[in-house]
């Protein structure tokens, strides 16, 4: 193999290695991904919720899942003591927990946890939580908040 080809291949290998290391460092420098309960919330997410006025004054945050890789809050599933919300691209879809009649859950190996909530009027909200990001925690919190909103005691 020609010496100049070896040098070019070595340079490409070093560039790839530097890119991978930089990417890992970037991902590690930000907040940890996954479902967060109210007591685990990162400040960036609390600031985002407040800045965009996603919660009402009488709501209490139960849990939160930031869908984005950059963890910037621009796409998130949000559960309060009163509502289930999905915020994406500046638009928020919400349903009152008291109006939810059914919550379904299944797991897909490449997608993760898929949670579907349906109201009596037929409105459906789908939430996908990536594998290893605490989808079961979100589901448990949703079921507990839903039971309380319907006036039923939640299970321990």
Protein backbone atom coordinates (compact mmCIF):
# COMPACT_ATOMS: atom_id res chain seq x y z
CA UNK A 1 0.00 0.00 0.00
CA UNK A 2 1.29 3.45 -0.89
CA UNK A 3 2.55 5.57 2.01
CA UNK A 4 0.22 8.48 1.17
CA UNK A 5 -2.81 6.15 1.24
CA UNK A 6 -1.77 4.90 4.69
CA UNK A 7 -1.49 8.48 5.94
CA UNK A 8 -4.94 9.36 4.58
CA UNK A 9 -6.48 6.23 6.15
CA UNK A 10 -4.78 6.98 9.46
CA UNK A 11 -6.08 10.56 9.37
CA UNK A 12 -9.62 9.34 8.65
CA UNK A 13 -9.37 6.85 11.55
CA UNK A 14 -8.19 9.57 13.93
CA UNK A 15 -10.98 11.90 12.79
CA UNK A 16 -13.59 9.20 13.40
CA UNK A 17 -12.15 8.45 16.84
CA UNK A 18 -12.15 12.13 17.79
CA UNK A 19 -15.76 12.43 16.56
CA UNK A 20 -16.90 9.45 18.62
CA UNK A 21 -15.13 10.72 21.75
CA UNK A 22 -16.59 14.21 21.25
CA UNK A 23 -20.08 12.76 20.76
CA UNK A 24 -19.86 10.67 23.91
CA UNK A 25 -18.53 13.66 25.87
CA UNK A 26 -21.41 15.82 24.58
CA UNK A 27 -24.02 13.24 25.56
CA UNK A 28 -22.43 12.71 28.98
CA UNK A 29 -22.25 16.43 29.74
CA UNK A 30 -26.01 17.01 29.68
CA UNK A 31 -28.82 15.88 31.95
CA UNK A 32 -29.47 12.15 32.24
CA UNK A 33 -32.28 10.91 30.03
CA UNK A 34 -35.25 8.85 31.12
CA UNK A 35 -38.50 9.23 33.01
CA UNK A 36 -38.15 11.64 35.92
CA UNK A 37 -40.44 11.78 38.92
CA UNK A 38 -41.17 15.25 40.33
CA UNK A 39 -38.37 14.94 42.90
CA UNK A 40 -35.80 14.08 40.20
CA UNK A 41 -36.49 16.91 37.79
CA UNK A 42 -33.58 18.71 36.14
CA UNK A 43 -33.61 22.50 36.27
CA UNK A 44 -33.71 22.85 32.45
CA UNK A 45 -37.02 20.94 32.38
CA UNK A 46 -38.58 22.94 35.20
CA UNK A 47 -37.52 26.16 33.46
CA UNK A 48 -39.00 24.91 30.16
CA UNK A 49 -42.33 24.02 31.80
CA UNK A 50 -42.52 27.45 33.43
CA UNK A 51 -41.36 29.43 30.39
CA UNK A 52 -43.95 27.76 28.16
CA UNK A 53 -46.67 27.79 30.84
CA UNK A 54 -47.47 24.12 30.33
CA UNK A 55 -48.89 23.56 33.81
CA UNK A 56 -51.74 25.38 35.54
CA UNK A 57 -51.23 26.96 38.96
CA UNK A 58 -53.19 24.22 40.76
CA UNK A 59 -51.43 21.29 39.06
CA UNK A 60 -48.66 19.25 40.62
CA UNK A 61 -46.07 17.57 38.41
CA UNK A 62 -46.02 13.79 38.86
CA UNK A 63 -43.52 12.70 36.18
CA UNK A 64 -41.85 13.83 32.99
CA UNK A 65 -40.12 12.23 30.01
CA UNK A 66 -38.02 14.30 27.62
CA UNK A 67 -38.07 12.52 24.26
CA UNK A 68 -35.23 14.53 22.70
CA UNK A 69 -31.59 13.43 22.55
CA UNK A 70 -30.49 16.98 23.29
CA UNK A 71 -32.68 17.06 26.43
CA UNK A 72 -34.10 20.48 25.59
CA UNK A 73 -37.74 19.84 26.54
CA UNK A 74 -39.08 20.58 23.06
CA UNK A 75 -40.76 17.15 22.96
CA UNK A 76 -41.96 15.66 26.22
CA UNK A 77 -44.60 13.53 27.88
CA UNK A 78 -45.83 15.18 31.07
CA UNK A 79 -48.05 13.79 33.81
CA UNK A 80 -49.64 15.96 36.48
CA UNK A 81 -52.14 15.14 39.19
CA UNK A 82 -54.86 16.36 36.79
CA UNK A 83 -53.73 15.90 33.18
CA UNK A 84 -51.67 13.85 30.76
CA UNK A 85 -49.85 16.10 28.29
CA UNK A 86 -47.70 15.63 25.22
CA UNK A 87 -45.69 18.65 24.10
CA UNK A 88 -44.10 18.66 20.66
CA UNK A 89 -42.98 21.40 18.27
CA UNK A 90 -44.54 24.14 20.40
CA UNK A 91 -47.95 22.43 20.49
CA UNK A 92 -49.39 20.75 23.56
CA UNK A 93 -52.05 18.05 23.54
CA UNK A 94 -53.67 17.36 26.90
CA UNK A 95 -56.38 15.20 28.40
CA UNK A 96 -57.94 15.34 31.84
CA UNK A 97 -57.19 12.21 33.84
CA UNK A 98 -60.76 12.24 35.17
CA UNK A 99 -61.97 11.76 31.57
CA UNK A 100 -59.64 8.85 30.77
CA UNK A 101 -61.53 5.55 30.51
CA UNK A 102 -58.72 3.22 29.44
CA UNK A 103 -54.93 2.96 29.62
CA UNK A 104 -53.19 0.29 27.56
CA UNK A 105 -49.52 -0.66 27.49
CA UNK A 106 -47.32 -2.88 25.39
CA UNK A 107 -43.60 -3.17 24.75
CA UNK A 108 -41.96 -3.17 21.34
CA UNK A 109 -38.30 -4.18 21.24
CA UNK A 110 -37.08 -1.33 19.02
CA UNK A 111 -39.48 1.38 20.20
CA UNK A 112 -39.78 0.58 23.90
CA UNK A 113 -42.85 1.13 26.04
CA UNK A 114 -45.95 2.22 24.17
CA UNK A 115 -48.68 3.71 26.37
CA UNK A 116 -52.12 4.56 24.98
CA UNK A 117 -54.67 6.58 26.96
CA UNK A 118 -58.25 6.98 25.72
CA UNK A 119 -61.05 9.26 26.88
CA UNK A 120 -64.80 8.55 26.81
CA UNK A 121 -65.12 10.90 23.83
CA UNK A 122 -62.65 8.77 21.84
CA UNK A 123 -59.59 11.01 22.13
CA UNK A 124 -56.41 8.90 22.17
CA UNK A 125 -52.91 9.85 23.26
CA UNK A 126 -49.91 7.69 22.44
CA UNK A 127 -46.67 7.96 24.39
CA UNK A 128 -43.54 6.07 23.36
CA UNK A 129 -40.72 5.75 25.87
CA UNK A 130 -37.43 4.44 24.50
CA UNK A 131 -35.99 1.18 25.86
CA UNK A 132 -34.14 1.48 29.18
CA UNK A 133 -35.71 4.89 29.91
CA UNK A 134 -38.18 3.95 32.64
CA UNK A 135 -41.38 3.42 30.70
CA UNK A 136 -42.78 1.18 33.42
CA UNK A 137 -42.25 4.00 35.95
CA UNK A 138 -44.26 6.39 33.77
CA UNK A 139 -47.00 3.78 33.37
CA UNK A 140 -47.15 3.12 37.13
CA UNK A 141 -47.33 6.85 37.87
CA UNK A 142 -50.03 7.32 35.21
CA UNK A 143 -52.14 4.49 36.58
CA UNK A 144 -51.83 5.87 40.13
CA UNK A 145 -52.70 9.44 39.13
CA UNK A 146 -55.57 8.16 36.95
CA UNK A 147 -57.05 6.17 39.84
CA UNK A 148 -56.80 9.17 42.16
CA UNK A 149 -58.43 11.46 39.57
CA UNK A 150 -61.34 9.01 39.36
CA UNK A 151 -61.66 9.03 43.15
CA UNK A 152 -60.27 5.54 43.63
CA UNK A 153 -57.42 4.82 46.02
CA UNK A 154 -54.17 4.09 44.21
CA UNK A 155 -52.39 0.85 44.87
CA UNK A 156 -49.10 0.93 46.84
